[in-house]
Structure formats: structure tokens, C-alpha cells
Amino acid sequence: MAKVKITLVKGRAKRSPRQRATLVALGFRKTYQSLTKELNPAVQGQIDTVAHMLKIENI
């Protein structure tokens, strides 16, 4: 599996409850926090849901 580095670049304020829950499930707590995740279909689906709020880099 590939790894990706994802960074939250936009805040959670005024987002739908579903998008906020997705960010919590991914592990984001703060804006501009970066996480490294193994890319699998479940994580890819979560990233796709909130892709407009993330910066995504392949590792």
C-alpha cells in the first residue's frame, strides 16, 4: 500500500456534521496539522469526502 501525507489547510467551522466527523475519524485535531496514513479504500473514501479542505502528498 502507498502512504500519503495529508494536511488540514481549512478550518472545520461552518462545515457539515458529516465532514466534521470525517475529519475526527481521520485524526485531525487542529488546522495545519499533518498526518501520514496508509492508503486503502476506506481512507481514500474519507479523503475524497473532505478533499477540498486538505493538501495531499504522496510519499
PDB file of N, CA and C in Angstrom:
ATOM      1  N   MET A   1       0.829  -1.184   0.000  1.00  0.00           N
ATOM      2  CA  MET A   1       0.000   0.000   0.000  1.00  0.00           C
ATOM      3  C   MET A   1       0.873   1.248   0.000  1.00  0.00           C
ATOM      4  N   ALA A   2       0.385   2.265  -0.623  1.00  0.00           N
ATOM      5  CA  ALA A   2       1.087   3.546  -0.672  1.00  0.00           C
ATOM      6  C   ALA A   2       0.790   4.348   0.591  1.00  0.00           C
ATOM      7  N   LYS A   3       1.664   5.290   0.883  1.00  0.00           N
ATOM      8  CA  LYS A   3       1.444   6.184   2.013  1.00  0.00           C
ATOM      9  C   LYS A   3       1.181   7.578   1.467  1.00  0.00           C
ATOM     10  N   VAL A   4       0.348   8.326   2.178  1.00  0.00           N
ATOM     11  CA  VAL A   4       0.081   9.712   1.818  1.00  0.00           C
ATOM     12  C   VAL A   4       0.238  10.583   3.052  1.00  0.00           C
ATOM     13  N   LYS A   5       0.692  11.814   2.817  1.00  0.00           N
ATOM     14  CA  LYS A   5       0.755  12.813   3.874  1.00  0.00           C
ATOM     15  C   LYS A   5      -0.384  13.779   3.603  1.00  0.00           C
ATOM     16  N   ILE A   6      -1.281  13.937   4.576  1.00  0.00           N
ATOM     17  CA  ILE A   6      -2.417  14.828   4.416  1.00  0.00           C
ATOM     18  C   ILE A   6      -2.331  15.934   5.459  1.00  0.00           C
ATOM     19  N   THR A   7      -2.609  17.160   5.026  1.00  0.00           N
ATOM     20  CA  THR A   7      -2.544  18.333   5.892  1.00  0.00           C
ATOM     21  C   THR A   7      -3.883  19.048   5.813  1.00  0.00           C
ATOM     22  N   LEU A   8      -4.443  19.375   6.962  1.00  0.00           N
ATOM     23  CA  LEU A   8      -5.698  20.122   7.021  1.00  0.00           C
ATOM     24  C   LEU A   8      -5.379  21.597   6.827  1.00  0.00           C
ATOM     25  N   VAL A   9      -5.820  22.187   5.707  1.00  0.00           N
ATOM     26  CA  VAL A   9      -5.471  23.568   5.394  1.00  0.00           C
ATOM     27  C   VAL A   9      -6.650  24.531   5.539  1.00  0.00           C
ATOM     28  N   LYS A  10      -7.832  24.013   5.778  1.00  0.00           N
ATOM     29  CA  LYS A  10      -9.000  24.864   6.022  1.00  0.00           C
ATOM     30  C   LYS A  10      -9.678  24.398   7.300  1.00  0.00           C
ATOM     31  N   GLY A  11     -10.238  25.325   8.039  1.00  0.00           N
ATOM     32  CA  GLY A  11     -10.842  25.011   9.329  1.00  0.00           C
ATOM     33  C   GLY A  11     -12.154  24.248   9.218  1.00  0.00           C
ATOM     34  N   ARG A  12     -12.597  23.738  10.369  1.00  0.00           N
ATOM     35  CA  ARG A  12     -13.824  22.939  10.430  1.00  0.00           C
ATOM     36  C   ARG A  12     -15.076  23.773  10.625  1.00  0.00           C
ATOM     37  N   ALA A  13     -14.914  25.052  10.942  1.00  0.00           N
ATOM     38  CA  ALA A  13     -16.071  25.898  11.227  1.00  0.00           C
ATOM     39  C   ALA A  13     -16.996  25.978  10.014  1.00  0.00           C
ATOM     40  N   LYS A  14     -18.278  25.956  10.260  1.00  0.00           N
ATOM     41  CA  LYS A  14     -19.328  26.076   9.243  1.00  0.00           C
ATOM     42  C   LYS A  14     -19.308  24.931   8.225  1.00  0.00           C
ATOM     43  N   ARG A  15     -18.815  23.789   8.608  1.00  0.00           N
ATOM     44  CA  ARG A  15     -18.833  22.599   7.753  1.00  0.00           C
ATOM     45  C   ARG A  15     -19.966  21.698   8.214  1.00  0.00           C
ATOM     46  N   SER A  16     -20.383  20.804   7.342  1.00  0.00           N
ATOM     47  CA  SER A  16     -21.476  19.904   7.700  1.00  0.00           C
ATOM     48  C   SER A  16     -21.018  18.935   8.791  1.00  0.00           C
ATOM     49  N   PRO A  17     -21.950  18.439   9.597  1.00  0.00           N
ATOM     50  CA  PRO A  17     -21.577  17.469  10.639  1.00  0.00           C
ATOM     51  C   PRO A  17     -20.887  16.234  10.067  1.00  0.00           C
ATOM     52  N   ARG A  18     -21.265  15.827   8.873  1.00  0.00           N
ATOM     53  CA  ARG A  18     -20.636  14.663   8.251  1.00  0.00           C
ATOM     54  C   ARG A  18     -19.159  14.942   7.951  1.00  0.00           C
ATOM     55  N   GLN A  19     -18.851  16.137   7.443  1.00  0.00           N
ATOM     56  CA  GLN A  19     -17.456  16.479   7.149  1.00  0.00           C
ATOM     57  C   GLN A  19     -16.647  16.603   8.427  1.00  0.00           C
ATOM     58  N   ARG A  20     -17.216  17.188   9.464  1.00  0.00           N
ATOM     59  CA  ARG A  20     -16.506  17.296  10.749  1.00  0.00           C
ATOM     60  C   ARG A  20     -16.220  15.917  11.326  1.00  0.00           C
ATOM     61  N   ALA A  21     -17.192  15.014  11.229  1.00  0.00           N
ATOM     62  CA  ALA A  21     -17.000  13.656  11.740  1.00  0.00           C
ATOM     63  C   ALA A  21     -15.911  12.927  10.948  1.00  0.00           C
ATOM     64  N   THR A  22     -15.843  13.170   9.655  1.00  0.00           N
ATOM     65  CA  THR A  22     -14.814  12.547   8.827  1.00  0.00           C
ATOM     66  C   THR A  22     -13.428  13.029   9.241  1.00  0.00           C
ATOM     67  N   LEU A  23     -13.293  14.323   9.531  1.00  0.00           N
ATOM     68  CA  LEU A  23     -12.003  14.853   9.976  1.00  0.00           C
ATOM     69  C   LEU A  23     -11.582  14.248  11.308  1.00  0.00           C
ATOM     70  N   VAL A  24     -12.524  14.064  12.217  1.00  0.00           N
ATOM     71  CA  VAL A  24     -12.222  13.434  13.504  1.00  0.00           C
ATOM     72  C   VAL A  24     -11.808  11.976  13.279  1.00  0.00           C
ATOM     73  N   ALA A  25     -12.499  11.283  12.377  1.00  0.00           N
ATOM     74  CA  ALA A  25     -12.172   9.885  12.094  1.00  0.00           C
ATOM     75  C   ALA A  25     -10.774   9.754  11.477  1.00  0.00           C
ATOM     76  N   LEU A  26     -10.383  10.740  10.680  1.00  0.00           N
ATOM     77  CA  LEU A  26      -9.031  10.722  10.110  1.00  0.00           C
ATOM     78  C   LEU A  26      -7.974  11.036  11.158  1.00  0.00           C
ATOM     79  N   GLY A  27      -8.357  11.724  12.239  1.00  0.00           N
ATOM     80  CA  GLY A  27      -7.432  12.013  13.322  1.00  0.00           C
ATOM     81  C   GLY A  27      -7.018  13.467  13.430  1.00  0.00           C
ATOM     82  N   PHE A  28      -7.682  14.351  12.686  1.00  0.00           N
ATOM     83  CA  PHE A  28      -7.326  15.766  12.746  1.00  0.00           C
ATOM     84  C   PHE A  28      -7.900  16.418  13.986  1.00  0.00           C
ATOM     85  N   ARG A  29      -7.058  17.228  14.653  1.00  0.00           N
ATOM     86  CA  ARG A  29      -7.477  17.986  15.826  1.00  0.00           C
ATOM     87  C   ARG A  29      -7.352  19.483  15.593  1.00  0.00           C
ATOM     88  N   LYS A  30      -6.351  19.900  14.794  1.00  0.00           N
ATOM     89  CA  LYS A  30      -6.073  21.320  14.589  1.00  0.00           C
ATOM     90  C   LYS A  30      -5.877  21.617  13.107  1.00  0.00           C
ATOM     91  N   THR A  31      -6.102  22.866  12.733  1.00  0.00           N
ATOM     92  CA  THR A  31      -5.812  23.322  11.385  1.00  0.00           C
ATOM     93  C   THR A  31      -4.304  23.293  11.175  1.00  0.00           C
ATOM     94  N   TYR A  32      -3.876  22.959   9.984  1.00  0.00           N
ATOM     95  CA  TYR A  32      -2.469  22.821   9.579  1.00  0.00           C
ATOM     96  C   TYR A  32      -1.756  21.649  10.243  1.00  0.00           C
ATOM     97  N   GLN A  33      -2.505  20.744  10.831  1.00  0.00           N
ATOM     98  CA  GLN A  33      -1.918  19.509  11.357  1.00  0.00           C
ATOM     99  C   GLN A  33      -1.683  18.560  10.182  1.00  0.00           C
ATOM    100  N   SER A  34      -0.578  17.838  10.197  1.00  0.00           N
ATOM    101  CA  SER A  34      -0.249  16.867   9.151  1.00  0.00           C
ATOM    102  C   SER A  34      -0.275  15.460   9.718  1.00  0.00           C
ATOM    103  N   LEU A  35      -0.767  14.528   8.921  1.00  0.00           N
ATOM    104  CA  LEU A  35      -0.820  13.119   9.289  1.00  0.00           C
ATOM    105  C   LEU A  35      -0.300  12.282   8.133  1.00  0.00           C
ATOM    106  N   THR A  36       0.288  11.149   8.451  1.00  0.00           N
ATOM    107  CA  THR A  36       0.700  10.178   7.448  1.00  0.00           C
ATOM    108  C   THR A  36      -0.187   8.952   7.598  1.00  0.00           C
ATOM    109  N   LYS A  37      -0.791   8.529   6.496  1.00  0.00           N
ATOM    110  CA  LYS A  37      -1.724   7.403   6.519  1.00  0.00           C
ATOM    111  C   LYS A  37      -1.366   6.401   5.429  1.00  0.00           C
ATOM    112  N   GLU A  38      -1.619   5.132   5.711  1.00  0.00           N
ATOM    113  CA  GLU A  38      -1.560   4.092   4.695  1.00  0.00           C
ATOM    114  C   GLU A  38      -2.798   4.251   3.824  1.00  0.00           C
ATOM    115  N   LEU A  39      -2.619   4.268   2.527  1.00  0.00           N
ATOM    116  CA  LEU A  39      -3.737   4.477   1.609  1.00  0.00           C
ATOM    117  C   LEU A  39      -4.417   3.151   1.329  1.00  0.00           C
ATOM    118  N   ASN A  40      -5.664   3.038   1.747  1.00  0.00           N
ATOM    119  CA  ASN A  40      -6.501   1.883   1.448  1.00  0.00           C
ATOM    120  C   ASN A  40      -7.863   2.433   1.025  1.00  0.00           C
ATOM    121  N   PRO A  41      -8.772   1.613   0.551  1.00  0.00           N
ATOM    122  CA  PRO A  41     -10.055   2.133   0.059  1.00  0.00           C
ATOM    123  C   PRO A  41     -10.854   2.926   1.095  1.00  0.00           C
ATOM    124  N   ALA A  42     -10.797   2.536   2.359  1.00  0.00           N
ATOM    125  CA  ALA A  42     -11.542   3.247   3.396  1.00  0.00           C
ATOM    126  C   ALA A  42     -10.976   4.650   3.608  1.00  0.00           C
ATOM    127  N   VAL A  43      -9.669   4.755   3.730  1.00  0.00           N
ATOM    128  CA  VAL A  43      -9.033   6.054   3.939  1.00  0.00           C
ATOM    129  C   VAL A  43      -9.190   6.916   2.685  1.00  0.00           C
ATOM    130  N   GLN A  44      -9.089   6.312   1.506  1.00  0.00           N
ATOM    131  CA  GLN A  44      -9.259   7.071   0.267  1.00  0.00           C
ATOM    132  C   GLN A  44     -10.657   7.684   0.188  1.00  0.00           C
ATOM    133  N   GLY A  45     -11.667   6.946   0.614  1.00  0.00           N
ATOM    134  CA  GLY A  45     -13.027   7.470   0.635  1.00  0.00           C
ATOM    135  C   GLY A  45     -13.176   8.634   1.601  1.00  0.00           C
ATOM    136  N   GLN A  46     -12.541   8.543   2.770  1.00  0.00           N
ATOM    137  CA  GLN A  46     -12.588   9.638   3.738  1.00  0.00           C
ATOM    138  C   GLN A  46     -11.885  10.876   3.182  1.00  0.00           C
ATOM    139  N   ILE A  47     -10.747  10.673   2.545  1.00  0.00           N
ATOM    140  CA  ILE A  47     -10.015  11.792   1.962  1.00  0.00           C
ATOM    141  C   ILE A  47     -10.851  12.445   0.860  1.00  0.00           C
ATOM    142  N   ASP A  48     -11.501  11.651   0.024  1.00  0.00           N
ATOM    143  CA  ASP A  48     -12.337  12.194  -1.048  1.00  0.00           C
ATOM    144  C   ASP A  48     -13.475  13.041  -0.508  1.00  0.00           C
ATOM    145  N   THR A  49     -14.017  12.672   0.653  1.00  0.00           N
ATOM    146  CA  THR A  49     -15.131  13.399   1.252  1.00  0.00           C
ATOM    147  C   THR A  49     -14.741  14.813   1.640  1.00  0.00           C
ATOM    148  N   VAL A  50     -13.524  15.019   2.097  1.00  0.00           N
ATOM    149  CA  VAL A  50     -13.082  16.332   2.572  1.00  0.00           C
ATOM    150  C   VAL A  50     -11.859  16.842   1.803  1.00  0.00           C
ATOM    151  N   ALA A  51     -11.699  16.404   0.551  1.00  0.00           N
ATOM    152  CA  ALA A  51     -10.509  16.750  -0.237  1.00  0.00           C
ATOM    153  C   ALA A  51     -10.363  18.252  -0.432  1.00  0.00           C
ATOM    154  N   HIS A  52     -11.456  18.988  -0.458  1.00  0.00           N
ATOM    155  CA  HIS A  52     -11.383  20.441  -0.654  1.00  0.00           C
ATOM    156  C   HIS A  52     -10.782  21.158   0.545  1.00  0.00           C
ATOM    157  N   MET A  53     -10.621  20.458   1.664  1.00  0.00           N
ATOM    158  CA  MET A  53     -10.055  21.052   2.885  1.00  0.00           C
ATOM    159  C   MET A  53      -8.635  20.569   3.151  1.00  0.00           C
ATOM    160  N   LEU A  54      -8.119  19.671   2.314  1.00  0.00           N
ATOM    161  CA  LEU A  54      -6.837  19.012   2.574  1.00  0.00           C
ATOM    162  C   LEU A  54      -5.810  19.313   1.498  1.00  0.00           C
ATOM    163  N   LYS A  55      -4.548  19.221   1.896  1.00  0.00           N
ATOM    164  CA  LYS A  55      -3.431  19.183   0.964  1.00  0.00           C
ATOM    165  C   LYS A  55      -2.919  17.747   1.022  1.00  0.00           C
ATOM    166  N   ILE A  56      -2.812  17.084  -0.123  1.00  0.00           N
ATOM    167  CA  ILE A  56      -2.489  15.665  -0.173  1.00  0.00           C
ATOM    168  C   ILE A  56      -1.170  15.484  -0.938  1.00  0.00           C
ATOM    169  N   GLU A  57      -0.222  14.757  -0.320  1.00  0.00           N
ATOM    170  CA  GLU A  57       1.072  14.483  -0.938  1.00  0.00           C
ATOM    171  C   GLU A  57       1.350  12.983  -0.877  1.00  0.00           C
ATOM    172  N   ASN A  58       1.787  12.418  -1.980  1.00  0.00           N
ATOM    173  CA  ASN A  58       2.216  11.018  -1.969  1.00  0.00           C
ATOM    174  C   ASN A  58       3.609  10.914  -1.378  1.00  0.00           C
ATOM    175  N   ILE A  59       3.822   9.857  -0.615  1.00  0.00           N
ATOM    176  CA  ILE A  59       5.144   9.637  -0.002  1.00  0.00           C
ATOM    177  C   ILE A  59       5.794   8.452  -0.678  1.00  0.00           C
TER     178      ILE A  59
END
